[in-house]
Protein backbone atom coordinates (compact mmCIF):
# COMPACT_ATOMS: atom_id res chain seq x y z
CA MET A 1 175.07 65.11 84.20
CA ASN A 2 178.29 63.18 83.67
CA SER A 3 178.22 59.82 85.48
CA GLU A 4 181.77 60.27 86.80
CA ILE A 5 180.79 63.59 88.37
CA ILE A 6 177.72 61.97 89.95
CA LYS A 7 179.89 59.21 91.45
CA TYR A 8 182.45 61.71 92.72
CA ILE A 9 179.87 63.95 94.39
CA GLU A 10 178.04 61.00 95.94
CA LYS A 11 181.29 59.60 97.33
CA GLU A 12 182.49 62.92 98.76
CA LEU A 13 179.13 63.78 100.32
CA ASN A 14 178.34 60.20 101.33
CA THR A 15 174.87 60.43 99.81
CA LYS A 16 172.94 59.73 96.60
CA ILE A 17 171.79 62.25 94.02
CA VAL A 18 168.08 61.60 93.46
CA SER A 19 167.21 64.44 91.08
CA GLY A 20 168.59 67.34 89.08
CA ARG A 21 166.84 70.36 87.63
CA SER A 22 168.40 72.65 85.03
CA VAL A 23 168.58 76.33 85.98
CA GLY A 24 170.14 79.40 84.42
CA GLY A 25 173.91 79.25 84.64
CA GLY A 26 174.84 82.32 82.66
CA CYS A 27 176.39 82.52 79.19
CA ILE A 28 179.40 80.31 79.97
CA ASN A 29 178.26 77.38 82.13
CA ASP A 30 175.47 74.85 82.48
CA ALA A 31 173.84 74.71 85.90
CA GLN A 32 171.55 72.45 87.91
CA THR A 33 169.96 72.34 91.30
CA ILE A 34 170.52 68.82 92.58
CA THR A 35 168.71 67.07 95.42
CA THR A 36 170.28 64.29 97.48
CA SER A 37 168.72 61.32 99.26
CA ASP A 38 168.97 63.14 102.59
CA ASN A 39 166.76 65.89 101.09
CA LYS A 40 169.51 68.49 100.75
CA GLN A 41 169.85 70.77 97.75
CA PHE A 42 173.01 72.08 96.10
CA PHE A 43 173.84 74.29 93.14
CA LEU A 44 175.99 72.54 90.54
CA LYS A 45 177.76 74.48 87.80
CA LEU A 46 179.31 72.50 84.93
CA ASN A 47 181.62 73.25 82.04
CA PHE A 48 183.61 70.69 80.06
CA ASN A 49 185.24 73.22 77.74
CA SER A 50 186.52 75.90 80.10
CA ALA A 51 190.07 76.38 81.33
CA LYS A 52 191.05 73.57 83.68
CA ASP A 53 191.58 75.89 86.64
CA MET A 54 188.56 78.16 86.14
CA PHE A 55 186.33 76.61 88.81
CA PHE A 56 189.21 76.43 91.30
CA LYS A 57 189.81 80.16 90.81
CA GLU A 58 186.10 80.86 91.26
CA ALA A 59 186.09 78.86 94.48
CA ASN A 60 189.08 80.80 95.83
CA GLY A 61 187.38 84.07 94.96
CA LEU A 62 184.20 83.09 96.81
CA ARG A 63 186.24 82.04 99.84
CA GLU A 64 188.09 85.36 99.81
CA LEU A 65 184.84 87.34 99.72
CA LYS A 66 183.57 85.24 102.61
CA LYS A 67 186.51 86.38 104.77
CA ALA A 68 185.12 89.92 104.87
CA ALA A 69 181.85 88.70 106.43
CA ALA A 70 180.13 91.69 104.80
CA ILE A 71 177.71 90.14 102.29
CA ARG A 72 176.40 86.60 101.99
CA VAL A 73 178.43 84.36 99.70
CA PRO A 74 177.50 80.75 98.88
CA GLU A 75 179.57 78.09 100.61
CA VAL A 76 181.89 76.11 98.35
CA ILE A 77 181.08 72.42 98.87
CA LEU A 78 183.22 70.74 96.20
CA VAL A 79 185.28 71.89 93.25
CA ASP A 80 187.00 70.03 90.43
CA THR A 81 188.16 70.60 86.87
CA ASN A 82 184.72 70.49 85.25
CA PHE A 83 182.39 71.58 88.02
CA ILE A 84 181.82 73.55 91.19
CA LEU A 85 179.24 72.52 93.78
CA LEU A 86 177.87 75.33 95.94
CA GLU A 87 175.40 75.91 98.71
CA GLN A 88 171.94 76.30 97.20
CA ILE A 89 170.63 79.84 97.60
CA ASN A 90 166.86 79.76 97.40
CA PRO A 91 165.52 82.89 95.69
CA GLY A 92 163.38 85.37 97.57
CA ARG A 93 161.88 88.80 97.09
CA LYS A 94 163.87 91.93 97.84
CA SER A 95 163.31 93.29 101.33
CA LYS A 96 161.95 96.82 101.70
CA THR A 97 165.43 98.07 102.53
CA PHE A 98 167.28 95.82 100.06
CA ASP A 99 169.10 98.56 98.16
CA GLU A 100 170.13 100.49 101.27
CA ASP A 101 171.32 97.30 102.97
CA PHE A 102 173.19 96.15 99.87
CA GLY A 103 174.96 99.50 99.49
CA ARG A 104 176.00 99.50 103.14
CA SER A 105 177.19 95.90 102.96
CA PHE A 106 179.15 96.59 99.77
CA ALA A 107 180.89 99.45 101.56
CA ASN A 108 181.79 97.07 104.38
CA LEU A 109 183.23 94.62 101.86
CA HIS A 110 185.52 97.39 100.62
CA ARG A 111 186.70 98.12 104.15
CA PHE A 112 188.35 94.69 104.10
CA THR A 113 191.86 95.43 102.84
CA SER A 114 195.22 93.87 102.00
CA GLU A 115 198.82 95.04 102.18
CA HIS A 116 199.22 94.97 98.40
CA PHE A 117 197.24 95.41 95.22
CA GLY A 118 196.36 92.30 93.22
CA PHE A 119 195.83 88.80 94.54
CA TYR A 120 197.88 85.70 95.30
CA GLU A 121 196.83 84.15 91.98
CA ASP A 122 195.58 85.14 88.57
CA ASN A 123 191.95 84.33 87.83
CA TYR A 124 189.29 85.14 85.24
CA ILE A 125 186.95 87.96 84.27
CA GLY A 126 184.23 86.03 82.48
CA SER A 127 186.32 83.59 80.45
CA THR A 128 189.19 86.06 79.97
CA PRO A 129 192.34 85.59 82.07
CA GLN A 130 192.74 88.33 84.69
CA LYS A 131 196.29 89.10 85.76
CA ASN A 132 196.48 89.74 89.50
CA ILE A 133 200.06 89.04 90.57
CA PRO A 134 201.73 92.46 90.82
CA ASP A 135 205.26 93.32 89.83
CA ASN A 136 207.29 94.82 92.66
CA ASP A 137 206.61 98.39 91.53
CA GLU A 138 202.87 97.68 91.31
CA LYS A 139 202.30 96.16 94.75
CA ASN A 140 201.83 99.55 96.41
CA ASN A 141 200.99 101.66 93.37
CA TRP A 142 197.39 101.42 92.22
CA ILE A 143 197.88 103.52 89.09
CA LYS A 144 200.69 101.31 87.79
CA PHE A 145 198.85 98.14 88.71
CA TYR A 146 195.62 99.24 87.07
CA PHE A 147 197.15 100.45 83.84
CA ASN A 148 199.50 97.50 83.39
CA LYS A 149 197.40 94.60 84.64
CA ARG A 150 194.01 95.84 83.43
CA ILE A 151 194.12 98.33 80.53
CA LEU A 152 197.41 97.30 78.91
CA PHE A 153 196.66 93.58 79.29
CA GLN A 154 193.29 94.01 77.57
CA TYR A 155 194.93 96.07 74.83
CA ARG A 156 197.38 93.25 74.12
CA LEU A 157 194.43 90.90 73.82
CA LEU A 158 192.82 93.36 71.39
CA GLU A 159 196.01 93.19 69.32
CA LYS A 160 195.90 89.40 69.39
CA ASN A 161 192.22 89.33 68.45
CA GLY A 162 192.55 91.83 65.63
CA TYR A 163 190.64 94.75 67.19
CA ALA A 164 193.58 97.05 67.95
CA ASP A 165 193.49 99.24 64.86
CA SER A 166 195.41 102.51 64.52
CA SER A 167 192.63 104.46 66.28
CA ILE A 168 192.79 102.32 69.42
CA LYS A 169 196.60 102.10 69.31
CA LYS A 170 196.94 105.89 69.19
CA ARG A 171 194.48 106.37 72.05
CA ILE A 172 196.16 103.77 74.29
CA SER A 173 199.46 105.62 73.88
CA LEU A 174 197.82 108.93 74.77
CA LEU A 175 196.01 107.35 77.71
CA GLU A 176 199.26 105.92 79.06
CA ASN A 177 200.75 109.41 79.09
CA LYS A 178 197.70 110.79 80.90
CA ILE A 179 196.87 107.98 83.35
CA TYR A 180 198.62 109.60 86.33
CA GLU A 181 196.75 112.85 85.77
CA ILE A 182 193.43 110.97 85.54
CA LEU A 183 193.94 108.93 88.72
CA LYS A 184 196.20 111.26 90.73
CA ASP A 185 193.55 112.06 93.37
CA THR A 186 192.36 108.50 93.89
CA GLU A 187 192.88 106.43 97.04
CA ASN A 188 195.90 104.14 97.11
CA ILE A 189 194.22 101.52 99.32
CA PRO A 190 193.89 97.83 98.29
CA SER A 191 190.24 97.00 99.05
CA LEU A 192 188.70 93.59 98.52
CA LEU A 193 186.75 93.78 95.25
CA HIS A 194 184.13 91.48 93.79
CA GLY A 195 185.64 92.49 90.46
CA ASP A 196 182.67 91.88 88.18
CA LEU A 197 179.55 93.07 89.96
CA TRP A 198 176.57 93.67 87.70
CA SER A 199 172.92 92.76 88.17
CA GLY A 200 173.52 89.20 86.96
CA ASN A 201 176.20 88.49 89.55
CA TYR A 202 174.16 88.75 92.71
CA LEU A 203 171.12 86.85 93.97
CA VAL A 204 168.30 87.79 96.29
CA ASP A 205 168.19 85.12 99.00
CA GLU A 206 165.24 83.72 100.91
CA ASN A 207 165.53 86.52 103.48
CA GLY A 208 165.42 89.23 100.84
CA ASN A 209 169.12 90.08 101.10
CA ALA A 210 171.92 90.17 98.52
CA CYS A 211 174.21 87.22 97.89
CA LEU A 212 177.32 87.62 95.73
CA ILE A 213 178.20 85.10 93.01
CA ASP A 214 180.59 84.75 90.04
CA PRO A 215 183.43 86.95 91.31
CA ALA A 216 186.63 88.10 89.65
CA VAL A 217 188.28 88.85 92.98
CA TYR A 218 191.35 90.96 93.62
CA TYR A 219 192.44 93.80 95.91
CA GLY A 220 192.19 97.15 94.20
CA ASN A 221 190.66 100.61 94.28
CA ARG A 222 187.03 100.39 95.37
CA GLU A 223 185.93 102.89 92.73
CA ALA A 224 186.64 100.19 90.11
CA ASP A 225 183.98 97.94 91.68
CA LEU A 226 181.42 100.73 91.80
CA ALA A 227 182.07 101.77 88.21
CA MET A 228 181.23 98.26 87.02
CA THR A 229 177.85 98.43 88.77
CA LYS A 230 177.01 101.47 86.61
CA LEU A 231 177.99 99.94 83.28
CA PHE A 232 174.86 97.86 82.65
CA GLY A 233 172.41 99.35 85.19
CA GLY A 234 170.45 97.47 87.82
CA PHE A 235 171.53 99.46 90.88
CA ASN A 236 169.44 102.40 92.03
CA SER A 237 170.23 105.69 93.75
CA ALA A 238 169.43 104.26 97.20
CA PHE A 239 172.26 101.73 96.77
CA TYR A 240 174.84 104.44 96.01
CA LYS A 241 173.52 106.86 98.63
CA SER A 242 173.75 104.19 101.32
CA TYR A 243 177.24 103.19 100.18
CA ASN A 244 178.51 106.76 100.28
CA GLU A 245 177.02 107.38 103.70
CA ALA A 246 178.72 104.26 105.07
CA PHE A 247 182.06 104.81 103.31
CA PRO A 248 182.29 108.25 101.64
CA LEU A 249 184.05 108.32 98.28
CA PRO A 250 186.89 110.77 97.64
CA GLU A 251 186.22 113.87 95.57
CA GLY A 252 186.37 113.36 91.82
CA TYR A 253 185.20 109.74 91.76
CA GLU A 254 182.59 110.50 89.07
CA TYR A 255 185.33 111.78 86.76
CA ARG A 256 187.28 108.54 87.24
CA GLU A 257 184.36 106.17 86.57
CA ASN A 258 184.94 105.90 82.82
CA ILE A 259 188.56 104.79 83.17
CA TYR A 260 187.32 101.86 85.26
CA LYS A 261 184.46 101.09 82.89
CA LEU A 262 187.03 100.94 80.10
CA TYR A 263 188.56 97.71 81.41
CA HIS A 264 185.25 95.89 81.24
CA VAL A 265 184.23 97.30 77.86
CA MET A 266 187.59 96.32 76.38
CA ASN A 267 187.03 92.86 77.82
CA HIS A 268 183.60 92.71 76.18
CA LEU A 269 185.19 93.77 72.89
CA ASN A 270 187.64 90.88 73.24
CA LEU A 271 184.93 88.41 74.23
CA PHE A 272 181.97 89.41 72.08
CA GLY A 273 183.37 91.39 69.18
CA GLY A 274 182.96 94.67 67.36
CA GLY A 275 179.70 95.75 68.95
CA TYR A 276 181.82 97.19 71.78
CA TYR A 277 184.35 98.96 69.56
CA HIS A 278 182.73 102.41 69.53
CA GLN A 279 182.06 102.33 73.27
CA THR A 280 185.75 101.54 73.83
CA ILE A 281 186.73 104.53 71.70
CA SER A 282 184.18 106.77 73.45
CA LEU A 283 185.44 105.92 76.95
CA MET A 284 189.01 106.69 75.91
CA ASP A 285 187.99 109.95 74.24
CA TYR A 286 186.32 111.09 77.48
CA TYR A 287 189.84 111.72 78.80
CA LEU A 288 191.60 112.63 75.56
């Protein structure tokens, strides 16, 4: 751990760091559980190569999720350019009703709403910038916001990164012409979204309940959050059944899932390369 970071944390917390233990921090960051002289533990995430505001945006996302008081979120203790210090969540085993409770709690998170789509600041989806500040005509129009700030933004990154060949370019144009037909029956309600919920972005706490981490927060259509949970697996039928009982989804949500998966798969194509090319094409062709 960087000595300047140690000094800063010790000064702010008025304590001494007596030990640090490396733990999994994902594919982007290094992480440690640190113990202080007053026998308290904290989770420290470090990155000296990320964007200078990345941890600040993560902290703001966690604080926003906490406002809903629906699912446990770790407390932000300190944040700076190269690190974020969080409440330590000690891992436990899933309770017998974990999936049902998680689904119900996730529905309650989505009941927390805003006046407008987007967020007060841009943030990140993984290490990719995520544009959240809506234009005037997008503030109250989910379809415009989603296409422009999610699909079209990722497409422009594909162009920049050399993945937007003629096949993708043609399909994006066709998709733009069809986007209102695809999403015409969706809700136009700005729900608080985690933004990047997959099995690696929640923890099981010491009480056997879910705890959300690593958000890409904004206010959007709740179906977008649920579609992401289905992209890489890890959520069972009890989770979705409980969610739908607590907050029933509008008719046709299954048809719309792929348009929301598309944003994340395009992002993976931008981040990780050609292995996601054919899946990107396939998700577009579902509607074309």
